[in-house]
Amino acid sequence: MRVCSTYVSNDGGDWLFHYHDSANNHEPKPQTMARFQNELPEVLALLDKEDIKSEEKAFELFMEKMLTDKDFLDDISMDMPQADIDMDNALEELFNSHNTKTEDKAYQKIDKLCDKYPQRIDFLYNAYEFAPDWFVDKGFMRLNMAVLIGLNALAQAGFDWQKDELYWGFVENRPFLRAYARYAQEIMERYHDIRQVMFIQQRLLKACPTDNLGIRHEYVQSLLFCKKYKEVIKLYKTYPDDFDPSIVYGVAFASWQLGQKSADKYLKKAIQEFPLCAKELLKKRHTMPSDGYAHGGIMVGSPAQAYEFWQQYGQFWQKDALDWLKQHTSEQDKKPKSPNKK
């Protein structure tokens, strides 16, 4: 009888997700792991830092090794479970689809893999994340399953959300963390259940304080909805080096609502860092810009980022707040500019 299960272990405080399939019992080959550790120690060192820039650099080094050393690539490929190979092939087919028919066919393969390996949180998350528009509800169902499986595994292991942590540095934990974070977004967009959303966001920020997924940026919006301005300031002080518009404008707005003298200082800093966000908030009409979108993301400091910021936070900036903002933007414009160096 085939047994598939997802479970969580605790090794000296290190909580880690695992997946077991009795029909495909897989353990990394010792020689492959040893070779990875010997030849790519810099990759492991970068991953230990647990920040996005280091992860990107680690990925670049890993891909460089894969492209220049065929034997290494063969070792890694041979060491991969068939389930992962099948999923990678299905995803590649989906990404290379050029019409509805081929896209539908590729997604069906991903969906069938979820049925074949029902406890794989990463597979379920892929079925949600890459679902075509006509499969969006089925994708959401898969996301629900991923979250339920993860929460059940954590509960069975005795995980305490108030004191235990799920380290982002363990790649095995990332599918669940991603799924739980996206679940909160879906709950907000579909049902506007702000209490449940905040409950999830608070859990994730406590369990993964490095917050590699940027939950804090969405949490600011939740706090503003509930008028928890002191909590916004507390969040800002927890991540003082974060310069996302949601954080820097959020702390300014919260301080202003509380009548704190520091509000002006925070707002000046926000305008200096993201002037286009201030201009977007002050506009009478808002249109989606064509500039600032690249590789499926939004460029920092671009009109696109400012427009997205207004979409999420413009609702909080009413007349009195906009008058205050306008006053400070006018002061910034009046400041003499440094002459251009020849």
Foldseek 3Di string as FASTA:
>chain_A
DWDWAWAWDADPQAIFIDIDIPVFGADADPVLVVCCCVPPVQLLVLLVVVADVSPVVSVVVVVVCVVPPVVNVVSVVVRDTPLVVQLVVLVVQCVPDDDDVSNVVSLVSLVVSCVVRVLDLLSLQCNQVSPPPVCNVVSLVSLVSSQVSVVVNCVVNVPDLQAGAHEVSHVRSPSNLVSLLVNLVCCCVPPVPLVVSLVSLVSSCSRYVVPNVPSLLVNLLSCVVVLVLVVLLVSCVSVVPDLQLSNLVSNLVSCVVVVHPCNLVSLLVSCVQAVLLLVQLLDPDDDQDPPADDPNHGHPNINNSSSVCCVRPSVSCDDVNNVVSVVSVVVVVPDDDDDDDD
